[in-house]
C-alpha atoms as a PDB file:
ATOM      1  CA  UNK A   1      -4.809 202.390 -17.445  1.00  0.00           C
ATOM      2  CA  UNK A   2      -2.971 199.679 -15.543  1.00  0.00           C
ATOM      3  CA  UNK A   3      -6.077 198.867 -13.507  1.00  0.00           C
ATOM      4  CA  UNK A   4      -8.111 198.523 -16.715  1.00  0.00           C
ATOM      5  CA  UNK A   5      -5.640 195.936 -17.990  1.00  0.00           C
ATOM      6  CA  UNK A   6      -5.753 194.097 -14.680  1.00  0.00           C
ATOM      7  CA  UNK A   7      -9.560 194.087 -14.738  1.00  0.00           C
ATOM      8  CA  UNK A   8      -9.615 192.673 -18.279  1.00  0.00           C
ATOM      9  CA  UNK A   9      -7.146 189.976 -17.233  1.00  0.00           C
ATOM     10  CA  UNK A  10      -9.298 188.998 -14.269  1.00  0.00           C
ATOM     11  CA  UNK A  11     -12.453 188.904 -16.385  1.00  0.00           C
ATOM     12  CA  UNK A  12     -10.687 186.793 -19.000  1.00  0.00           C
ATOM     13  CA  UNK A  13      -9.553 184.353 -16.336  1.00  0.00           C
ATOM     14  CA  UNK A  14     -13.074 184.098 -15.021  1.00  0.00           C
ATOM     15  CA  UNK A  15     -14.366 183.195 -18.463  1.00  0.00           C
ATOM     16  CA  UNK A  16     -11.973 180.294 -18.926  1.00  0.00           C
ATOM     17  CA  UNK A  17     -13.550 177.037 -17.864  1.00  0.00           C
ATOM     18  CA  UNK A  18     -11.465 174.756 -15.684  1.00  0.00           C
ATOM     19  CA  UNK A  19     -10.501 171.407 -17.212  1.00  0.00           C
ATOM     20  CA  UNK A  20     -12.582 168.461 -16.037  1.00  0.00           C
ATOM     21  CA  UNK A  21     -11.429 166.244 -13.209  1.00  0.00           C
ATOM     22  CA  UNK A  22     -10.118 162.926 -14.560  1.00  0.00           C
ATOM     23  CA  UNK A  23     -10.597 159.757 -12.512  1.00  0.00           C
ATOM     24  CA  UNK A  24      -8.099 157.150 -13.646  1.00  0.00           C
ATOM     25  CA  UNK A  25     -10.265 154.223 -12.600  1.00  0.00           C
ATOM     26  CA  UNK A  26     -13.810 152.939 -12.837  1.00  0.00           C
ATOM     27  CA  UNK A  27     -16.730 153.238 -10.426  1.00  0.00           C
ATOM     28  CA  UNK A  28     -19.610 151.057  -9.291  1.00  0.00           C
ATOM     29  CA  UNK A  29     -22.826 152.810  -8.264  1.00  0.00           C
ATOM     30  CA  UNK A  30     -25.373 150.956  -6.152  1.00  0.00           C
ATOM     31  CA  UNK A  31     -26.847 153.639  -3.875  1.00  0.00           C
ATOM     32  CA  UNK A  32     -27.717 157.324  -3.738  1.00  0.00           C
ATOM     33  CA  UNK A  33     -24.714 157.773  -1.438  1.00  0.00           C
ATOM     34  CA  UNK A  34     -22.440 156.452  -4.208  1.00  0.00           C
ATOM     35  CA  UNK A  35     -23.796 159.091  -6.597  1.00  0.00           C
ATOM     36  CA  UNK A  36     -23.369 161.867  -4.061  1.00  0.00           C
ATOM     37  CA  UNK A  37     -19.807 160.852  -3.290  1.00  0.00           C
ATOM     38  CA  UNK A  38     -18.825 160.745  -6.963  1.00  0.00           C
ATOM     39  CA  UNK A  39     -20.495 164.079  -7.687  1.00  0.00           C
ATOM     40  CA  UNK A  40     -18.752 165.706  -4.735  1.00  0.00           C
ATOM     41  CA  UNK A  41     -15.344 164.452  -5.816  1.00  0.00           C
ATOM     42  CA  UNK A  42     -15.845 165.241  -9.488  1.00  0.00           C
ATOM     43  CA  UNK A  43     -17.358 168.681  -9.168  1.00  0.00           C
ATOM     44  CA  UNK A  44     -18.966 170.436 -12.107  1.00  0.00           C
ATOM     45  CA  UNK A  45     -17.164 168.432 -14.803  1.00  0.00           C
ATOM     46  CA  UNK A  46     -15.386 165.081 -14.715  1.00  0.00           C
ATOM     47  CA  UNK A  47     -14.245 162.170 -16.854  1.00  0.00           C
ATOM     48  CA  UNK A  48     -14.043 158.498 -15.857  1.00  0.00           C
ATOM     49  CA  UNK A  49     -11.073 156.747 -17.454  1.00  0.00           C
ATOM     50  CA  UNK A  50     -12.524 153.304 -16.808  1.00  0.00           C
ATOM     51  CA  UNK A  51     -15.946 151.669 -16.581  1.00  0.00           C
ATOM     52  CA  UNK A  52     -19.068 153.037 -14.920  1.00  0.00           C
ATOM     53  CA  UNK A  53     -21.279 150.262 -13.581  1.00  0.00           C
ATOM     54  CA  UNK A  54     -24.764 150.985 -12.256  1.00  0.00           C
ATOM     55  CA  UNK A  55     -25.832 147.535 -11.217  1.00  0.00           C
ATOM     56  CA  UNK A  56     -28.422 146.029  -8.898  1.00  0.00           C
ATOM     57  CA  UNK A  57     -29.505 149.335  -7.374  1.00  0.00           C
ATOM     58  CA  UNK A  58     -32.850 150.604  -6.072  1.00  0.00           C
ATOM     59  CA  UNK A  59     -32.340 153.987  -7.752  1.00  0.00           C
ATOM     60  CA  UNK A  60     -35.273 155.612  -9.566  1.00  0.00           C
ATOM     61  CA  UNK A  61     -33.065 158.050 -11.521  1.00  0.00           C
ATOM     62  CA  UNK A  62     -29.382 158.969 -11.724  1.00  0.00           C
ATOM     63  CA  UNK A  63     -29.755 162.590 -10.666  1.00  0.00           C
ATOM     64  CA  UNK A  64     -26.512 163.844  -9.185  1.00  0.00           C
ATOM     65  CA  UNK A  65     -24.275 162.662 -12.036  1.00  0.00           C
ATOM     66  CA  UNK A  66     -24.788 165.790 -14.147  1.00  0.00           C
ATOM     67  CA  UNK A  67     -21.071 166.648 -14.099  1.00  0.00           C
ATOM     68  CA  UNK A  68     -20.094 163.445 -15.923  1.00  0.00           C
ATOM     69  CA  UNK A  69     -18.869 164.337 -19.428  1.00  0.00           C
ATOM     70  CA  UNK A  70     -17.141 161.202 -20.718  1.00  0.00           C
ATOM     71  CA  UNK A  71     -16.609 157.577 -19.796  1.00  0.00           C
ATOM     72  CA  UNK A  72     -13.567 156.139 -21.555  1.00  0.00           C
ATOM     73  CA  UNK A  73     -14.608 152.554 -20.799  1.00  0.00           C
ATOM     74  CA  UNK A  74     -18.091 151.044 -20.720  1.00  0.00           C
ATOM     75  CA  UNK A  75     -21.305 152.308 -19.154  1.00  0.00           C
ATOM     76  CA  UNK A  76     -23.157 149.274 -17.807  1.00  0.00           C
ATOM     77  CA  UNK A  77     -26.692 149.778 -16.484  1.00  0.00           C
ATOM     78  CA  UNK A  78     -27.966 146.365 -15.414  1.00  0.00           C
ATOM     79  CA  UNK A  79     -30.642 144.880 -13.124  1.00  0.00           C
ATOM     80  CA  UNK A  80     -31.898 148.142 -11.591  1.00  0.00           C
ATOM     81  CA  UNK A  81     -35.504 147.228 -10.792  1.00  0.00           C
ATOM     82  CA  UNK A  82     -36.752 150.718  -9.866  1.00  0.00           C
ATOM     83  CA  UNK A  83     -34.874 152.809 -12.437  1.00  0.00           C
ATOM     84  CA  UNK A  84     -37.419 154.744 -14.526  1.00  0.00           C
ATOM     85  CA  UNK A  85     -35.146 156.972 -16.631  1.00  0.00           C
ATOM     86  CA  UNK A  86     -31.513 158.053 -16.953  1.00  0.00           C
ATOM     87  CA  UNK A  87     -31.921 161.612 -15.712  1.00  0.00           C
ATOM     88  CA  UNK A  88     -28.606 162.751 -14.301  1.00  0.00           C
ATOM     89  CA  UNK A  89     -26.570 161.769 -17.369  1.00  0.00           C
ATOM     90  CA  UNK A  90     -27.442 164.918 -19.338  1.00  0.00           C
ATOM     91  CA  UNK A  91     -23.772 165.944 -19.504  1.00  0.00           C
ATOM     92  CA  UNK A  92     -22.564 162.615 -20.929  1.00  0.00           C
ATOM     93  CA  UNK A  93     -21.204 163.202 -24.453  1.00  0.00           C
ATOM     94  CA  UNK A  94     -19.332 159.996 -25.252  1.00  0.00           C
ATOM     95  CA  UNK A  95     -18.867 156.444 -24.029  1.00  0.00           C
ATOM     96  CA  UNK A  96     -15.970 154.175 -24.797  1.00  0.00           C
ATOM     97  CA  UNK A  97     -13.771 156.709 -26.554  1.00  0.00           C
ATOM     98  CA  UNK A  98     -10.756 154.897 -25.143  1.00  0.00           C
ATOM     99  CA  UNK A  99     -11.860 151.461 -26.346  1.00  0.00           C
ATOM    100  CA  UNK A 100     -10.254 149.582 -29.157  1.00  0.00           C
ATOM    101  CA  UNK A 101     -11.987 146.780 -31.014  1.00  0.00           C
ATOM    102  CA  UNK A 102     -15.312 145.896 -29.440  1.00  0.00           C
ATOM    103  CA  UNK A 103     -15.216 142.526 -27.697  1.00  0.00           C
ATOM    104  CA  UNK A 104     -18.225 140.216 -27.536  1.00  0.00           C
ATOM    105  CA  UNK A 105     -18.309 136.909 -25.677  1.00  0.00           C
ATOM    106  CA  UNK A 106     -21.405 134.765 -24.949  1.00  0.00           C
ATOM    107  CA  UNK A 107     -22.221 134.585 -21.249  1.00  0.00           C
ATOM    108  CA  UNK A 108     -25.738 133.119 -21.178  1.00  0.00           C
ATOM    109  CA  UNK A 109     -29.128 133.327 -22.841  1.00  0.00           C
ATOM    110  CA  UNK A 110     -32.226 135.486 -22.831  1.00  0.00           C
ATOM    111  CA  UNK A 111     -35.283 133.599 -24.129  1.00  0.00           C
ATOM    112  CA  UNK A 112     -32.946 131.101 -25.741  1.00  0.00           C
ATOM    113  CA  UNK A 113     -30.778 133.757 -27.413  1.00  0.00           C
ATOM    114  CA  UNK A 114     -27.101 134.202 -26.522  1.00  0.00           C
ATOM    115  CA  UNK A 115     -26.350 137.285 -24.420  1.00  0.00           C
ATOM    116  CA  UNK A 116     -23.018 138.973 -25.011  1.00  0.00           C
ATOM    117  CA  UNK A 117     -20.760 141.184 -22.983  1.00  0.00           C
ATOM    118  CA  UNK A 118     -20.120 144.072 -25.362  1.00  0.00           C
ATOM    119  CA  UNK A 119     -17.887 146.931 -24.356  1.00  0.00           C
ATOM    120  CA  UNK A 120     -19.673 150.240 -24.827  1.00  0.00           C
ATOM    121  CA  UNK A 121     -23.176 151.212 -23.659  1.00  0.00           C
ATOM    122  CA  UNK A 122     -25.072 148.339 -22.040  1.00  0.00           C
ATOM    123  CA  UNK A 123     -28.634 148.819 -20.785  1.00  0.00           C
ATOM    124  CA  UNK A 124     -29.901 145.420 -19.732  1.00  0.00           C
ATOM    125  CA  UNK A 125     -32.926 144.168 -17.791  1.00  0.00           C
ATOM    126  CA  UNK A 126     -34.092 147.318 -16.018  1.00  0.00           C
ATOM    127  CA  UNK A 127     -37.739 146.400 -15.458  1.00  0.00           C
ATOM    128  CA  UNK A 128     -39.139 149.885 -14.741  1.00  0.00           C
ATOM    129  CA  UNK A 129     -37.086 151.821 -17.314  1.00  0.00           C
ATOM    130  CA  UNK A 130     -39.554 153.675 -19.540  1.00  0.00           C
ATOM    131  CA  UNK A 131     -37.290 156.102 -21.414  1.00  0.00           C
ATOM    132  CA  UNK A 132     -33.667 157.007 -22.019  1.00  0.00           C
ATOM    133  CA  UNK A 133     -34.227 160.544 -20.783  1.00  0.00           C
ATOM    134  CA  UNK A 134     -30.830 161.790 -19.692  1.00  0.00           C
ATOM    135  CA  UNK A 135     -28.914 160.728 -22.820  1.00  0.00           C
ATOM    136  CA  UNK A 136     -29.739 163.876 -24.786  1.00  0.00           C
ATOM    137  CA  UNK A 137     -26.056 164.848 -25.155  1.00  0.00           C
ATOM    138  CA  UNK A 138     -24.678 161.421 -26.058  1.00  0.00           C
ATOM    139  CA  UNK A 139     -23.148 161.653 -29.547  1.00  0.00           C
ATOM    140  CA  UNK A 140     -20.654 158.786 -29.782  1.00  0.00           C
ATOM    141  CA  UNK A 141     -20.314 155.227 -28.509  1.00  0.00           C
ATOM    142  CA  UNK A 142     -16.898 153.635 -29.008  1.00  0.00           C
ATOM    143  CA  UNK A 143     -17.839 149.983 -28.730  1.00  0.00           C
ATOM    144  CA  UNK A 144     -21.251 148.365 -28.952  1.00  0.00           C
ATOM    145  CA  UNK A 145     -24.670 149.476 -27.773  1.00  0.00           C
ATOM    146  CA  UNK A 146     -26.968 146.865 -26.268  1.00  0.00           C
ATOM    147  CA  UNK A 147     -30.556 147.621 -25.251  1.00  0.00           C
ATOM    148  CA  UNK A 148     -31.767 144.258 -24.020  1.00  0.00           C
ATOM    149  CA  UNK A 149     -34.774 143.001 -22.074  1.00  0.00           C
ATOM    150  CA  UNK A 150     -36.001 146.341 -20.719  1.00  0.00           C
ATOM    151  CA  UNK A 151     -39.650 145.351 -20.587  1.00  0.00           C
ATOM    152  CA  UNK A 152     -41.124 148.822 -19.909  1.00  0.00           C
ATOM    153  CA  UNK A 153     -38.985 150.800 -22.363  1.00  0.00           C
ATOM    154  CA  UNK A 154     -41.389 152.640 -24.662  1.00  0.00           C
ATOM    155  CA  UNK A 155     -39.136 155.206 -26.336  1.00  0.00           C
ATOM    156  CA  UNK A 156     -35.609 155.927 -27.527  1.00  0.00           C
ATOM    157  CA  UNK A 157     -36.583 159.500 -28.304  1.00  0.00           C
ATOM    158  CA  UNK A 158     -33.979 161.049 -26.020  1.00  0.00           C
ATOM    159  CA  UNK A 159     -30.950 159.839 -28.030  1.00  0.00           C
ATOM    160  CA  UNK A 160     -31.261 162.712 -30.469  1.00  0.00           C
ATOM    161  CA  UNK A 161     -27.509 163.456 -30.878  1.00  0.00           C
ATOM    162  CA  UNK A 162     -26.182 159.928 -31.347  1.00  0.00           C
ATOM    163  CA  UNK A 163     -24.434 159.739 -34.728  1.00  0.00           C
ATOM    164  CA  UNK A 164     -21.903 156.892 -34.537  1.00  0.00           C
ATOM    165  CA  UNK A 165     -21.526 153.525 -32.842  1.00  0.00           C
ATOM    166  CA  UNK A 166     -18.084 151.988 -33.262  1.00  0.00           C
ATOM    167  CA  UNK A 167     -19.234 148.458 -32.522  1.00  0.00           C
ATOM    168  CA  UNK A 168     -22.458 146.499 -32.852  1.00  0.00           C
ATOM    169  CA  UNK A 169     -26.049 147.413 -32.037  1.00  0.00           C
ATOM    170  CA  UNK A 170     -28.278 144.908 -30.226  1.00  0.00           C
ATOM    171  CA  UNK A 171     -31.906 145.890 -29.641  1.00  0.00           C
ATOM    172  CA  UNK A 172     -33.502 142.766 -28.209  1.00  0.00           C
ATOM    173  CA  UNK A 173     -36.596 141.792 -26.213  1.00  0.00           C
ATOM    174  CA  UNK A 174     -37.833 145.254 -25.255  1.00  0.00           C
ATOM    175  CA  UNK A 175     -41.495 144.298 -25.068  1.00  0.00           C
ATOM    176  CA  UNK A 176     -43.047 147.796 -24.974  1.00  0.00           C
ATOM    177  CA  UNK A 177     -40.847 149.461 -27.603  1.00  0.00           C
ATOM    178  CA  UNK A 178     -43.001 150.521 -30.581  1.00  0.00           C
ATOM    179  CA  UNK A 179     -40.481 152.481 -32.650  1.00  0.00           C
ATOM    180  CA  UNK A 180     -36.791 153.330 -32.893  1.00  0.00           C
ATOM    181  CA  UNK A 181     -37.440 157.038 -33.263  1.00  0.00           C
ATOM    182  CA  UNK A 182     -34.644 158.856 -31.466  1.00  0.00           C
ATOM    183  CA  UNK A 183     -31.955 157.005 -33.396  1.00  0.00           C
ATOM    184  CA  UNK A 184     -32.772 159.031 -36.513  1.00  0.00           C
ATOM    185  CA  UNK A 185     -29.386 160.815 -36.538  1.00  0.00           C
ATOM    186  CA  UNK A 186     -27.434 157.571 -36.233  1.00  0.00           C
ATOM    187  CA  UNK A 187     -25.419 157.245 -39.436  1.00  0.00           C
ATOM    188  CA  UNK A 188     -22.745 154.623 -38.762  1.00  0.00           C
ATOM    189  CA  UNK A 189     -22.722 151.197 -37.105  1.00  0.00           C
ATOM    190  CA  UNK A 190     -19.245 149.726 -37.425  1.00  0.00           C
ATOM    191  CA  UNK A 191     -20.205 146.077 -36.873  1.00  0.00           C
ATOM    192  CA  UNK A 192     -23.537 144.244 -37.020  1.00  0.00           C
ATOM    193  CA  UNK A 193     -27.009 145.658 -36.466  1.00  0.00           C
ATOM    194  CA  UNK A 194     -29.645 143.422 -34.889  1.00  0.00           C
ATOM    195  CA  UNK A 195     -33.249 144.220 -33.966  1.00  0.00           C
ATOM    196  CA  UNK A 196     -34.899 141.077 -32.609  1.00  0.00           C
ATOM    197  CA  UNK A 197     -37.683 139.907 -30.342  1.00  0.00           C
ATOM    198  CA  UNK A 198     -39.300 143.302 -29.716  1.00  0.00           C
ATOM    199  CA  UNK A 199     -42.952 142.291 -29.577  1.00  0.00           C
ATOM    200  CA  UNK A 200     -44.518 145.761 -29.867  1.00  0.00           C
ATOM    201  CA  UNK A 201     -42.158 147.192 -32.497  1.00  0.00           C
ATOM    202  CA  UNK A 202     -44.092 148.566 -35.471  1.00  0.00           C
ATOM    203  CA  UNK A 203     -41.541 150.678 -37.348  1.00  0.00           C
ATOM    204  CA  UNK A 204     -37.876 150.872 -38.338  1.00  0.00           C
ATOM    205  CA  UNK A 205     -38.181 154.464 -39.502  1.00  0.00           C
ATOM    206  CA  UNK A 206     -35.953 155.566 -36.608  1.00  0.00           C
ATOM    207  CA  UNK A 207     -33.037 153.986 -38.515  1.00  0.00           C
ATOM    208  CA  UNK A 208     -33.589 156.174 -41.589  1.00  0.00           C
ATOM    209  CA  UNK A 209     -30.260 157.961 -41.086  1.00  0.00           C
ATOM    210  CA  UNK A 210     -28.150 154.794 -41.028  1.00  0.00           C
ATOM    211  CA  UNK A 211     -26.074 154.605 -44.208  1.00  0.00           C
ATOM    212  CA  UNK A 212     -23.293 152.277 -43.069  1.00  0.00           C
ATOM    213  CA  UNK A 213     -23.395 148.893 -41.326  1.00  0.00           C
ATOM    214  CA  UNK A 214     -20.072 147.091 -41.293  1.00  0.00           C
ATOM    215  CA  UNK A 215     -21.198 143.511 -40.666  1.00  0.00           C
ATOM    216  CA  UNK A 216     -24.541 141.647 -40.750  1.00  0.00           C
ATOM    217  CA  UNK A 217     -28.085 142.997 -40.606  1.00  0.00           C
ATOM    218  CA  UNK A 218     -30.519 140.887 -38.560  1.00  0.00           C
ATOM    219  CA  UNK A 219     -34.202 141.789 -38.100  1.00  0.00           C
ATOM    220  CA  UNK A 220     -36.082 138.872 -36.593  1.00  0.00           C
ATOM    221  CA  UNK A 221     -39.086 137.848 -34.513  1.00  0.00           C
ATOM    222  CA  UNK A 222     -40.610 141.290 -34.132  1.00  0.00           C
ATOM    223  CA  UNK A 223     -44.224 140.174 -34.317  1.00  0.00           C
ATOM    224  CA  UNK A 224     -45.789 143.524 -35.265  1.00  0.00           C
ATOM    225  CA  UNK A 225     -43.070 144.794 -37.570  1.00  0.00           C
ATOM    226  CA  UNK A 226     -43.988 144.498 -41.266  1.00  0.00           C
ATOM    227  CA  UNK A 227     -41.452 142.367 -43.089  1.00  0.00           C
ATOM    228  CA  UNK A 228     -41.444 144.914 -45.886  1.00  0.00           C
ATOM    229  CA  UNK A 229     -39.882 147.515 -43.631  1.00  0.00           C
ATOM    230  CA  UNK A 230     -36.976 145.213 -42.832  1.00  0.00           C
ATOM    231  CA  UNK A 231     -36.504 144.428 -46.519  1.00  0.00           C
ATOM    232  CA  UNK A 232     -36.600 148.113 -47.400  1.00  0.00           C
ATOM    233  CA  UNK A 233     -33.851 148.825 -44.862  1.00  0.00           C
ATOM    234  CA  UNK A 234     -31.722 146.005 -46.276  1.00  0.00           C
ATOM    235  CA  UNK A 235     -32.247 147.191 -49.856  1.00  0.00           C
ATOM    236  CA  UNK A 236     -31.321 150.759 -48.966  1.00  0.00           C
ATOM    237  CA  UNK A 237     -28.107 149.620 -47.283  1.00  0.00           C
ATOM    238  CA  UNK A 238     -27.207 147.311 -50.165  1.00  0.00           C
ATOM    239  CA  UNK A 239     -27.710 150.158 -52.622  1.00  0.00           C
ATOM    240  CA  UNK A 240     -25.052 152.009 -50.654  1.00  0.00           C
ATOM    241  CA  UNK A 241     -22.568 149.142 -50.847  1.00  0.00           C
ATOM    242  CA  UNK A 242     -23.515 146.987 -47.850  1.00  0.00           C
ATOM    243  CA  UNK A 243     -21.930 143.558 -48.194  1.00  0.00           C
ATOM    244  CA  UNK A 244     -22.851 141.729 -45.004  1.00  0.00           C
ATOM    245  CA  UNK A 245     -25.320 138.908 -44.524  1.00  0.00           C
ATOM    246  CA  UNK A 246     -29.018 139.756 -44.229  1.00  0.00           C
ATOM    247  CA  UNK A 247     -31.306 137.746 -41.938  1.00  0.00           C
ATOM    248  CA  UNK A 248     -34.983 138.751 -41.987  1.00  0.00           C
ATOM    249  CA  UNK A 249     -37.387 136.258 -40.406  1.00  0.00           C
ATOM    250  CA  UNK A 250     -40.274 135.884 -38.020  1.00  0.00           C
ATOM    251  CA  UNK A 251     -41.639 139.408 -38.429  1.00  0.00           C
ATOM    252  CA  UNK A 252     -45.203 140.371 -39.376  1.00  0.00           C
ATOM    253  CA  UNK A 253     -46.314 139.343 -42.883  1.00  0.00           C
ATOM    254  CA  UNK A 254     -46.598 141.836 -45.697  1.00  0.00           C
END
């Protein structure tokens, strides 16, 4: 019977998953070689205790980062002209879990509007990005979420698990974005919520799950969005105790 006990012990050990590798610093990814190096070092599961910056690359996707489970700092995806989707981030469950209060500071303008640096999830000016495919497992953002000036982005439908954003939400100047479907499980936005300058946006129904916004609500200059939809969102939030300012202007008439 001793060998039976030993066999059960070995099987039990095989079933236990190893803890993820923890990198106590951030990483900058610019090339496919950078992805391969990080994946090789991290193995099947790893955590970045710092920021992940994917900036100024020629990457089409992020395949090779499947082992990434958490980023304790910010995920910044900026100025990647060829990036079409976020495939490769399917294992990413949370961003910014180690962040405290979200910090926002003006650093410039986009079409005359101040641009902020917001700790959290930043997806900014990726000209070929059509979808957020790859973010299917993302459930929590500790800090803000900014989706800004991604001119080909047509859908948020891959963010199906996102339930809480512990900062602000900026959805600005995404010219091809027709709806916010994909954010339908989002329930909490700790700070302000702004949807502005999205020329093709026709519906706010993707925000139907939001029952808490901690600061202001701004819905402005979305030329195809019926004003009534913005007012209905504001009224629903106010019925639940919302006390922030409401700015609704420049949208489509009733």
